[in-house]
């Protein structure tokens, strides 16, 4: 009787595992299908947004070549470079702000700590694009919406709110034993040394998360970039450029190039993730006390 019961439980477990894997594989295919289609269409020979077949009948690299050789309508390399510089600068500034504010709210006690945390939580309840009109007029009053100051305006726009987006990082730092800070202080470490040699090495997984999210925000943003850049083609980002490729006067020629550009946009984020993924592990051994 016991053997039959054990065999029945094993059969149920195997059946449950099979159903789970079938469901996960199905969801994975559904998620990958649009991306697979996009990649295939980027190699399609021809033009036009109307596609009669799921897979191209002829393949070519001309769409990728055109993005880097034909500048009569739009300059894709310049847009790519603009976005890359803005995303890198915003990533550095945002990550520094988030780490600093998270450490101060997690490890230090100061008078306005709780009111500040409550205010930040309330502000994060509202979507950022609600402020775009006010942000634009503030930047315009400062003379930063024209000429060479536009990239700086975008960096400020993307990184200025980082000081209120600390809750995830703070929650992680709260799990780090404060006894490590106390031991380091007894050894003569300053707050800065504790922050850089104890807290940061132990927070590597969350730092990687913060770097990726801080880079992706400016890289894929369209709303703020469009509001601030407007029609200054010299400072277009890739999101504005890809959107322009689908306008009615360009879509017939640039649709397959849009597919190629969308594939290229995914490359920097993929490389960033591959470089930083090795830090997604327990980092206790990475701390240095001194």
C-alpha atoms as a PDB file:
ATOM      1  CA  UNK A   1       0.000   0.000   0.000  1.00  0.00           C
ATOM      2  CA  UNK A   2       2.847   2.336   0.905  1.00  0.00           C
ATOM      3  CA  UNK A   3       4.614   1.536  -2.380  1.00  0.00           C
ATOM      4  CA  UNK A   4       1.474   2.372  -4.373  1.00  0.00           C
ATOM      5  CA  UNK A   5       1.073   5.646  -2.489  1.00  0.00           C
ATOM      6  CA  UNK A   6       4.709   6.525  -3.091  1.00  0.00           C
ATOM      7  CA  UNK A   7       4.391   5.649  -6.787  1.00  0.00           C
ATOM      8  CA  UNK A   8       1.252   7.769  -7.125  1.00  0.00           C
ATOM      9  CA  UNK A   9       2.944  10.793  -5.536  1.00  0.00           C
ATOM     10  CA  UNK A  10       5.950  10.367  -7.818  1.00  0.00           C
ATOM     11  CA  UNK A  11       3.691  10.187 -10.892  1.00  0.00           C
ATOM     12  CA  UNK A  12       1.852  13.348  -9.811  1.00  0.00           C
ATOM     13  CA  UNK A  13       5.143  15.154  -9.256  1.00  0.00           C
ATOM     14  CA  UNK A  14       6.432  14.143 -12.697  1.00  0.00           C
ATOM     15  CA  UNK A  15       3.159  15.189 -14.314  1.00  0.00           C
ATOM     16  CA  UNK A  16       3.291  18.541 -12.520  1.00  0.00           C
ATOM     17  CA  UNK A  17       6.890  19.096 -13.643  1.00  0.00           C
ATOM     18  CA  UNK A  18       6.034  18.259 -17.260  1.00  0.00           C
ATOM     19  CA  UNK A  19       3.071  20.643 -17.263  1.00  0.00           C
ATOM     20  CA  UNK A  20       5.188  23.378 -15.684  1.00  0.00           C
ATOM     21  CA  UNK A  21       7.986  22.990 -18.231  1.00  0.00           C
ATOM     22  CA  UNK A  22       5.525  22.945 -21.139  1.00  0.00           C
ATOM     23  CA  UNK A  23       3.959  26.159 -19.837  1.00  0.00           C
ATOM     24  CA  UNK A  24       7.339  27.861 -19.340  1.00  0.00           C
ATOM     25  CA  UNK A  25       8.598  26.804 -22.772  1.00  0.00           C
ATOM     26  CA  UNK A  26       5.368  28.051 -24.365  1.00  0.00           C
ATOM     27  CA  UNK A  27       5.683  31.412 -22.619  1.00  0.00           C
ATOM     28  CA  UNK A  28       9.324  31.637 -23.665  1.00  0.00           C
ATOM     29  CA  UNK A  29       8.392  31.016 -27.306  1.00  0.00           C
ATOM     30  CA  UNK A  30       5.630  33.631 -27.148  1.00  0.00           C
ATOM     31  CA  UNK A  31       8.106  36.149 -25.709  1.00  0.00           C
ATOM     32  CA  UNK A  32      10.861  35.341 -28.219  1.00  0.00           C
ATOM     33  CA  UNK A  33       8.673  35.206 -31.334  1.00  0.00           C
ATOM     34  CA  UNK A  34       8.375  39.018 -31.868  1.00  0.00           C
ATOM     35  CA  UNK A  35      12.106  39.473 -31.361  1.00  0.00           C
ATOM     36  CA  UNK A  36      12.871  36.611 -33.747  1.00  0.00           C
ATOM     37  CA  UNK A  37      10.567  38.190 -36.338  1.00  0.00           C
ATOM     38  CA  UNK A  38      12.250  41.573 -35.879  1.00  0.00           C
ATOM     39  CA  UNK A  39      15.716  40.088 -36.375  1.00  0.00           C
ATOM     40  CA  UNK A  40      14.628  38.193 -39.479  1.00  0.00           C
ATOM     41  CA  UNK A  41      12.992  41.268 -40.997  1.00  0.00           C
ATOM     42  CA  UNK A  42      16.165  43.286 -40.444  1.00  0.00           C
ATOM     43  CA  UNK A  43      17.830  41.029 -43.037  1.00  0.00           C
ATOM     44  CA  UNK A  44      14.960  41.270 -45.537  1.00  0.00           C
ATOM     45  CA  UNK A  45      15.864  42.454 -49.015  1.00  0.00           C
ATOM     46  CA  UNK A  46      13.502  45.167 -50.170  1.00  0.00           C
ATOM     47  CA  UNK A  47      11.484  47.933 -48.604  1.00  0.00           C
ATOM     48  CA  UNK A  48       7.989  48.712 -47.437  1.00  0.00           C
ATOM     49  CA  UNK A  49       6.088  48.064 -44.255  1.00  0.00           C
ATOM     50  CA  UNK A  50       3.671  45.559 -45.779  1.00  0.00           C
ATOM     51  CA  UNK A  51       5.019  42.040 -45.350  1.00  0.00           C
ATOM     52  CA  UNK A  52       3.291  39.090 -47.021  1.00  0.00           C
ATOM     53  CA  UNK A  53       5.454  36.343 -45.515  1.00  0.00           C
ATOM     54  CA  UNK A  54       6.576  35.697 -41.941  1.00  0.00           C
ATOM     55  CA  UNK A  55      10.180  35.024 -42.991  1.00  0.00           C
ATOM     56  CA  UNK A  56      12.033  36.940 -45.700  1.00  0.00           C
ATOM     57  CA  UNK A  57      12.484  35.304 -49.075  1.00  0.00           C
ATOM     58  CA  UNK A  58      15.897  36.929 -49.541  1.00  0.00           C
ATOM     59  CA  UNK A  59      18.457  38.006 -46.970  1.00  0.00           C
ATOM     60  CA  UNK A  60      20.897  40.886 -47.081  1.00  0.00           C
ATOM     61  CA  UNK A  61      23.034  43.126 -44.876  1.00  0.00           C
ATOM     62  CA  UNK A  62      22.120  46.229 -46.874  1.00  0.00           C
ATOM     63  CA  UNK A  63      19.741  47.477 -44.163  1.00  0.00           C
ATOM     64  CA  UNK A  64      22.543  47.585 -41.588  1.00  0.00           C
ATOM     65  CA  UNK A  65      24.910  49.074 -44.129  1.00  0.00           C
ATOM     66  CA  UNK A  66      22.415  51.807 -45.022  1.00  0.00           C
ATOM     67  CA  UNK A  67      22.132  52.894 -41.388  1.00  0.00           C
ATOM     68  CA  UNK A  68      25.847  53.735 -41.341  1.00  0.00           C
ATOM     69  CA  UNK A  69      26.272  55.050 -44.872  1.00  0.00           C
ATOM     70  CA  UNK A  70      23.115  56.964 -45.843  1.00  0.00           C
ATOM     71  CA  UNK A  71      22.763  60.243 -43.939  1.00  0.00           C
ATOM     72  CA  UNK A  72      20.521  62.219 -46.292  1.00  0.00           C
ATOM     73  CA  UNK A  73      17.424  61.595 -44.137  1.00  0.00           C
ATOM     74  CA  UNK A  74      18.810  60.792 -40.678  1.00  0.00           C
ATOM     75  CA  UNK A  75      22.233  60.167 -39.182  1.00  0.00           C
ATOM     76  CA  UNK A  76      21.910  56.914 -37.218  1.00  0.00           C
ATOM     77  CA  UNK A  77      25.575  56.723 -36.017  1.00  0.00           C
ATOM     78  CA  UNK A  78      25.317  60.204 -34.523  1.00  0.00           C
ATOM     79  CA  UNK A  79      22.030  59.344 -32.808  1.00  0.00           C
ATOM     80  CA  UNK A  80      23.576  56.142 -31.471  1.00  0.00           C
ATOM     81  CA  UNK A  81      26.623  58.035 -30.178  1.00  0.00           C
ATOM     82  CA  UNK A  82      24.449  60.770 -28.600  1.00  0.00           C
ATOM     83  CA  UNK A  83      22.367  58.194 -26.750  1.00  0.00           C
ATOM     84  CA  UNK A  84      25.393  56.183 -25.656  1.00  0.00           C
ATOM     85  CA  UNK A  85      27.143  59.228 -24.154  1.00  0.00           C
ATOM     86  CA  UNK A  86      23.974  60.434 -22.407  1.00  0.00           C
ATOM     87  CA  UNK A  87      23.191  56.943 -21.067  1.00  0.00           C
ATOM     88  CA  UNK A  88      26.744  56.403 -19.754  1.00  0.00           C
ATOM     89  CA  UNK A  89      26.894  59.787 -18.009  1.00  0.00           C
ATOM     90  CA  UNK A  90      23.403  59.383 -16.551  1.00  0.00           C
ATOM     91  CA  UNK A  91      24.276  55.868 -15.395  1.00  0.00           C
ATOM     92  CA  UNK A  92      27.358  57.046 -13.499  1.00  0.00           C
ATOM     93  CA  UNK A  93      25.590  60.001 -11.859  1.00  0.00           C
ATOM     94  CA  UNK A  94      22.424  58.054 -11.007  1.00  0.00           C
ATOM     95  CA  UNK A  95      24.309  55.092  -9.556  1.00  0.00           C
ATOM     96  CA  UNK A  96      26.427  57.375  -7.379  1.00  0.00           C
ATOM     97  CA  UNK A  97      23.355  59.242  -6.120  1.00  0.00           C
ATOM     98  CA  UNK A  98      21.421  56.052  -5.369  1.00  0.00           C
ATOM     99  CA  UNK A  99      24.339  54.421  -3.559  1.00  0.00           C
ATOM    100  CA  UNK A 100      25.035  57.541  -1.503  1.00  0.00           C
ATOM    101  CA  UNK A 101      21.410  58.148  -0.519  1.00  0.00           C
ATOM    102  CA  UNK A 102      20.833  54.446   0.199  1.00  0.00           C
ATOM    103  CA  UNK A 103      23.846  54.314   2.497  1.00  0.00           C
ATOM    104  CA  UNK A 104      22.813  57.484   4.330  1.00  0.00           C
ATOM    105  CA  UNK A 105      19.233  56.289   4.874  1.00  0.00           C
ATOM    106  CA  UNK A 106      20.264  52.745   5.802  1.00  0.00           C
ATOM    107  CA  UNK A 107      23.321  53.230   8.027  1.00  0.00           C
ATOM    108  CA  UNK A 108      23.133  56.799   9.331  1.00  0.00           C
ATOM    109  CA  UNK A 109      20.680  58.513  11.669  1.00  0.00           C
ATOM    110  CA  UNK A 110      19.787  62.126  10.951  1.00  0.00           C
ATOM    111  CA  UNK A 111      16.959  64.465  11.831  1.00  0.00           C
ATOM    112  CA  UNK A 112      14.928  64.532   8.601  1.00  0.00           C
ATOM    113  CA  UNK A 113      15.557  60.912   7.626  1.00  0.00           C
ATOM    114  CA  UNK A 114      12.010  59.569   8.010  1.00  0.00           C
ATOM    115  CA  UNK A 115      10.272  62.620   6.475  1.00  0.00           C
ATOM    116  CA  UNK A 116      12.643  62.406   3.510  1.00  0.00           C
ATOM    117  CA  UNK A 117      11.921  58.707   3.026  1.00  0.00           C
ATOM    118  CA  UNK A 118       8.175  59.327   3.199  1.00  0.00           C
ATOM    119  CA  UNK A 119       8.444  62.190   0.715  1.00  0.00           C
ATOM    120  CA  UNK A 120      10.499  60.035  -1.673  1.00  0.00           C
ATOM    121  CA  UNK A 121       7.980  57.203  -1.456  1.00  0.00           C
ATOM    122  CA  UNK A 122       5.090  59.565  -2.255  1.00  0.00           C
ATOM    123  CA  UNK A 123       6.959  61.132  -5.180  1.00  0.00           C
ATOM    124  CA  UNK A 124       7.693  57.699  -6.641  1.00  0.00           C
ATOM    125  CA  UNK A 125       3.965  56.959  -6.745  1.00  0.00           C
ATOM    126  CA  UNK A 126       3.590  59.440  -9.605  1.00  0.00           C
ATOM    127  CA  UNK A 127       4.929  58.625 -13.100  1.00  0.00           C
ATOM    128  CA  UNK A 128       7.891  60.713 -14.147  1.00  0.00           C
ATOM    129  CA  UNK A 129       6.360  61.961 -17.388  1.00  0.00           C
ATOM    130  CA  UNK A 130       3.862  64.022 -15.360  1.00  0.00           C
ATOM    131  CA  UNK A 131       6.689  66.486 -14.744  1.00  0.00           C
ATOM    132  CA  UNK A 132       7.909  66.777 -18.319  1.00  0.00           C
ATOM    133  CA  UNK A 133       6.233  70.137 -19.040  1.00  0.00           C
ATOM    134  CA  UNK A 134       7.538  71.702 -15.818  1.00  0.00           C
ATOM    135  CA  UNK A 135      11.001  70.212 -16.410  1.00  0.00           C
ATOM    136  CA  UNK A 136      11.065  71.591 -19.943  1.00  0.00           C
ATOM    137  CA  UNK A 137      10.199  75.158 -18.869  1.00  0.00           C
ATOM    138  CA  UNK A 138      12.749  75.042 -16.033  1.00  0.00           C
ATOM    139  CA  UNK A 139      15.454  73.924 -18.447  1.00  0.00           C
ATOM    140  CA  UNK A 140      14.298  76.533 -20.968  1.00  0.00           C
ATOM    141  CA  UNK A 141      14.552  79.259 -18.338  1.00  0.00           C
ATOM    142  CA  UNK A 142      18.114  78.120 -17.690  1.00  0.00           C
ATOM    143  CA  UNK A 143      18.911  78.276 -21.408  1.00  0.00           C
ATOM    144  CA  UNK A 144      19.565  74.530 -21.688  1.00  0.00           C
ATOM    145  CA  UNK A 145      17.087  73.595 -24.417  1.00  0.00           C
ATOM    146  CA  UNK A 146      19.097  74.991 -27.320  1.00  0.00           C
ATOM    147  CA  UNK A 147      22.467  74.222 -28.869  1.00  0.00           C
ATOM    148  CA  UNK A 148      25.216  72.201 -27.237  1.00  0.00           C
ATOM    149  CA  UNK A 149      23.549  72.304 -23.819  1.00  0.00           C
ATOM    150  CA  UNK A 150      20.818  69.849 -24.867  1.00  0.00           C
ATOM    151  CA  UNK A 151      22.862  66.702 -24.011  1.00  0.00           C
ATOM    152  CA  UNK A 152      23.627  68.168 -20.574  1.00  0.00           C
ATOM    153  CA  UNK A 153      19.931  68.922 -20.112  1.00  0.00           C
ATOM    154  CA  UNK A 154      19.076  65.296 -20.908  1.00  0.00           C
ATOM    155  CA  UNK A 155      21.685  64.012 -18.453  1.00  0.00           C
ATOM    156  CA  UNK A 156      20.277  66.258 -15.727  1.00  0.00           C
ATOM    157  CA  UNK A 157      16.748  65.174 -16.622  1.00  0.00           C
ATOM    158  CA  UNK A 158      17.541  61.453 -16.439  1.00  0.00           C
ATOM    159  CA  UNK A 159      19.700  61.534 -13.309  1.00  0.00           C
ATOM    160  CA  UNK A 160      18.227  64.318 -11.157  1.00  0.00           C
ATOM    161  CA  UNK A 161      15.500  62.110  -9.692  1.00  0.00           C
ATOM    162  CA  UNK A 162      17.845  59.272  -8.747  1.00  0.00           C
ATOM    163  CA  UNK A 163      18.032  60.478  -5.149  1.00  0.00           C
ATOM    164  CA  UNK A 164      14.428  59.366  -4.562  1.00  0.00           C
ATOM    165  CA  UNK A 165      14.838  55.907  -6.136  1.00  0.00           C
ATOM    166  CA  UNK A 166      16.805  54.333  -3.338  1.00  0.00           C
ATOM    167  CA  UNK A 167      14.308  51.990  -1.704  1.00  0.00           C
ATOM    168  CA  UNK A 168      15.471  48.768  -3.379  1.00  0.00           C
ATOM    169  CA  UNK A 169      19.133  49.497  -2.691  1.00  0.00           C
ATOM    170  CA  UNK A 170      18.392  50.612   0.861  1.00  0.00           C
ATOM    171  CA  UNK A 171      16.470  47.394   1.510  1.00  0.00           C
ATOM    172  CA  UNK A 172      19.505  45.391   0.448  1.00  0.00           C
ATOM    173  CA  UNK A 173      21.902  47.448   2.570  1.00  0.00           C
ATOM    174  CA  UNK A 174      19.623  46.924   5.570  1.00  0.00           C
ATOM    175  CA  UNK A 175      20.433  43.195   5.348  1.00  0.00           C
ATOM    176  CA  UNK A 176      24.171  43.805   5.762  1.00  0.00           C
ATOM    177  CA  UNK A 177      25.081  43.288   9.461  1.00  0.00           C
ATOM    178  CA  UNK A 178      25.862  46.569  11.171  1.00  0.00           C
ATOM    179  CA  UNK A 179      28.393  44.698  13.273  1.00  0.00           C
ATOM    180  CA  UNK A 180      30.735  44.913  10.271  1.00  0.00           C
ATOM    181  CA  UNK A 181      30.503  48.711  10.327  1.00  0.00           C
ATOM    182  CA  UNK A 182      31.117  48.779  14.076  1.00  0.00           C
ATOM    183  CA  UNK A 183      34.140  46.492  13.780  1.00  0.00           C
ATOM    184  CA  UNK A 184      35.583  48.619  11.009  1.00  0.00           C
ATOM    185  CA  UNK A 185      34.992  51.803  13.054  1.00  0.00           C
ATOM    186  CA  UNK A 186      36.835  50.237  15.989  1.00  0.00           C
ATOM    187  CA  UNK A 187      39.750  49.554  13.641  1.00  0.00           C
ATOM    188  CA  UNK A 188      39.867  53.255  12.808  1.00  0.00           C
ATOM    189  CA  UNK A 189      37.944  53.336   9.503  1.00  0.00           C
ATOM    190  CA  UNK A 190      36.181  56.518   8.477  1.00  0.00           C
ATOM    191  CA  UNK A 191      32.620  56.571   7.158  1.00  0.00           C
ATOM    192  CA  UNK A 192      33.965  56.811   3.620  1.00  0.00           C
ATOM    193  CA  UNK A 193      36.239  53.797   4.133  1.00  0.00           C
ATOM    194  CA  UNK A 194      33.352  51.773   5.574  1.00  0.00           C
ATOM    195  CA  UNK A 195      31.213  52.769   2.601  1.00  0.00           C
ATOM    196  CA  UNK A 196      33.811  51.932  -0.060  1.00  0.00           C
ATOM    197  CA  UNK A 197      35.522  48.900   1.526  1.00  0.00           C
ATOM    198  CA  UNK A 198      32.691  47.210   3.406  1.00  0.00           C
ATOM    199  CA  UNK A 199      29.284  48.231   2.093  1.00  0.00           C
ATOM    200  CA  UNK A 200      30.005  48.506  -1.633  1.00  0.00           C
ATOM    201  CA  UNK A 201      31.794  45.133  -2.012  1.00  0.00           C
ATOM    202  CA  UNK A 202      28.909  43.440  -0.208  1.00  0.00           C
ATOM    203  CA  UNK A 203      26.394  45.215  -2.444  1.00  0.00           C
ATOM    204  CA  UNK A 204      27.819  44.116  -5.793  1.00  0.00           C
ATOM    205  CA  UNK A 205      24.665  42.291  -6.975  1.00  0.00           C
ATOM    206  CA  UNK A 206      22.495  45.347  -6.314  1.00  0.00           C
ATOM    207  CA  UNK A 207      25.085  47.690  -7.822  1.00  0.00           C
ATOM    208  CA  UNK A 208      24.901  45.645 -11.016  1.00  0.00           C
ATOM    209  CA  UNK A 209      21.109  45.930 -10.938  1.00  0.00           C
ATOM    210  CA  UNK A 210      21.352  49.687 -10.436  1.00  0.00           C
ATOM    211  CA  UNK A 211      23.880  50.118 -13.259  1.00  0.00           C
ATOM    212  CA  UNK A 212      21.712  48.199 -15.713  1.00  0.00           C
ATOM    213  CA  UNK A 213      18.503  50.038 -14.829  1.00  0.00           C
ATOM    214  CA  UNK A 214      20.251  53.434 -14.780  1.00  0.00           C
ATOM    215  CA  UNK A 215      21.669  52.761 -18.243  1.00  0.00           C
ATOM    216  CA  UNK A 216      18.444  51.390 -19.725  1.00  0.00           C
ATOM    217  CA  UNK A 217      16.348  54.389 -18.668  1.00  0.00           C
ATOM    218  CA  UNK A 218      18.089  57.004 -20.874  1.00  0.00           C
ATOM    219  CA  UNK A 219      18.821  54.414 -23.556  1.00  0.00           C
ATOM    220  CA  UNK A 220      15.163  53.606 -24.285  1.00  0.00           C
ATOM    221  CA  UNK A 221      13.452  56.821 -23.160  1.00  0.00           C
ATOM    222  CA  UNK A 222      11.415  58.655 -25.767  1.00  0.00           C
ATOM    223  CA  UNK A 223       9.124  61.080 -23.929  1.00  0.00           C
ATOM    224  CA  UNK A 224      11.667  63.337 -22.202  1.00  0.00           C
ATOM    225  CA  UNK A 225      14.100  63.129 -25.108  1.00  0.00           C
ATOM    226  CA  UNK A 226      11.435  64.217 -27.590  1.00  0.00           C
ATOM    227  CA  UNK A 227      10.207  67.074 -25.388  1.00  0.00           C
ATOM    228  CA  UNK A 228      13.687  68.504 -24.803  1.00  0.00           C
ATOM    229  CA  UNK A 229      15.332  67.802 -28.176  1.00  0.00           C
ATOM    230  CA  UNK A 230      12.229  68.662 -30.239  1.00  0.00           C
ATOM    231  CA  UNK A 231      13.342  69.105 -33.875  1.00  0.00           C
ATOM    232  CA  UNK A 232      17.089  69.541 -33.291  1.00  0.00           C
ATOM    233  CA  UNK A 233      18.165  66.603 -35.480  1.00  0.00           C
ATOM    234  CA  UNK A 234      21.796  66.991 -34.437  1.00  0.00           C
ATOM    235  CA  UNK A 235      20.906  65.853 -30.903  1.00  0.00           C
ATOM    236  CA  UNK A 236      18.404  63.099 -31.729  1.00  0.00           C
ATOM    237  CA  UNK A 237      18.599  59.944 -29.635  1.00  0.00           C
ATOM    238  CA  UNK A 238      18.021  56.463 -31.055  1.00  0.00           C
ATOM    239  CA  UNK A 239      14.471  56.337 -29.715  1.00  0.00           C
ATOM    240  CA  UNK A 240      13.582  59.539 -31.596  1.00  0.00           C
ATOM    241  CA  UNK A 241      15.385  58.265 -34.682  1.00  0.00           C
ATOM    242  CA  UNK A 242      13.568  54.927 -34.677  1.00  0.00           C
ATOM    243  CA  UNK A 243      10.256  56.719 -34.186  1.00  0.00           C
ATOM    244  CA  UNK A 244      11.061  59.022 -37.125  1.00  0.00           C
ATOM    245  CA  UNK A 245      11.718  56.005 -39.353  1.00  0.00           C
ATOM    246  CA  UNK A 246       8.064  55.022 -38.974  1.00  0.00           C
ATOM    247  CA  UNK A 247       6.651  58.392 -40.022  1.00  0.00           C
ATOM    248  CA  UNK A 248       4.550  58.182 -43.154  1.00  0.00           C
ATOM    249  CA  UNK A 249       7.070  59.960 -45.376  1.00  0.00           C
ATOM    250  CA  UNK A 250       9.867  57.542 -44.423  1.00  0.00           C
ATOM    251  CA  UNK A 251       8.203  54.279 -43.451  1.00  0.00           C
ATOM    252  CA  UNK A 252       8.117  52.766 -46.946  1.00  0.00           C
ATOM    253  CA  UNK A 253      11.892  53.037 -47.312  1.00  0.00           C
ATOM    254  CA  UNK A 254      13.019  52.906 -43.703  1.00  0.00           C
ATOM    255  CA  UNK A 255      10.852  50.170 -42.181  1.00  0.00           C
ATOM    256  CA  UNK A 256      13.371  47.360 -42.716  1.00  0.00           C
ATOM    257  CA  UNK A 257      16.075  49.767 -41.538  1.00  0.00           C
ATOM    258  CA  UNK A 258      13.973  50.407 -38.452  1.00  0.00           C
ATOM    259  CA  UNK A 259      14.105  46.655 -37.772  1.00  0.00           C
ATOM    260  CA  UNK A 260      17.888  46.706 -38.194  1.00  0.00           C
ATOM    261  CA  UNK A 261      18.198  49.738 -35.904  1.00  0.00           C
ATOM    262  CA  UNK A 262      16.030  48.085 -33.254  1.00  0.00           C
ATOM    263  CA  UNK A 263      18.367  45.073 -33.279  1.00  0.00           C
ATOM    264  CA  UNK A 264      21.422  47.325 -32.916  1.00  0.00           C
ATOM    265  CA  UNK A 265      19.824  49.161 -29.979  1.00  0.00           C
ATOM    266  CA  UNK A 266      19.656  45.887 -28.033  1.00  0.00           C
ATOM    267  CA  UNK A 267      23.392  45.206 -28.395  1.00  0.00           C
ATOM    268  CA  UNK A 268      24.825  47.666 -25.794  1.00  0.00           C
ATOM    269  CA  UNK A 269      22.376  46.502 -23.101  1.00  0.00           C
ATOM    270  CA  UNK A 270      23.192  42.857 -23.883  1.00  0.00           C
ATOM    271  CA  UNK A 271      26.925  43.540 -23.662  1.00  0.00           C
ATOM    272  CA  UNK A 272      26.470  45.442 -20.390  1.00  0.00           C
ATOM    273  CA  UNK A 273      24.523  42.551 -18.906  1.00  0.00           C
ATOM    274  CA  UNK A 274      27.093  39.962 -20.028  1.00  0.00           C
ATOM    275  CA  UNK A 275      29.911  42.005 -18.511  1.00  0.00           C
ATOM    276  CA  UNK A 276      28.173  42.543 -15.170  1.00  0.00           C
ATOM    277  CA  UNK A 277      26.285  39.253 -14.700  1.00  0.00           C
ATOM    278  CA  UNK A 278      29.241  37.571 -12.989  1.00  0.00           C
ATOM    279  CA  UNK A 279      28.682  39.898 -10.037  1.00  0.00           C
ATOM    280  CA  UNK A 280      25.228  38.378  -9.425  1.00  0.00           C
ATOM    281  CA  UNK A 281      26.498  36.171  -6.630  1.00  0.00           C
ATOM    282  CA  UNK A 282      27.144  36.232  -2.931  1.00  0.00           C
ATOM    283  CA  UNK A 283      29.752  38.935  -2.355  1.00  0.00           C
ATOM    284  CA  UNK A 284      30.642  38.333   1.283  1.00  0.00           C
ATOM    285  CA  UNK A 285      34.155  37.248   0.329  1.00  0.00           C
ATOM    286  CA  UNK A 286      34.643  40.482  -1.590  1.00  0.00           C
ATOM    287  CA  UNK A 287      34.555  42.742   1.446  1.00  0.00           C
ATOM    288  CA  UNK A 288      37.790  44.199   2.746  1.00  0.00           C
ATOM    289  CA  UNK A 289      38.025  45.466   6.277  1.00  0.00           C
ATOM    290  CA  UNK A 290      40.532  48.192   6.881  1.00  0.00           C
END
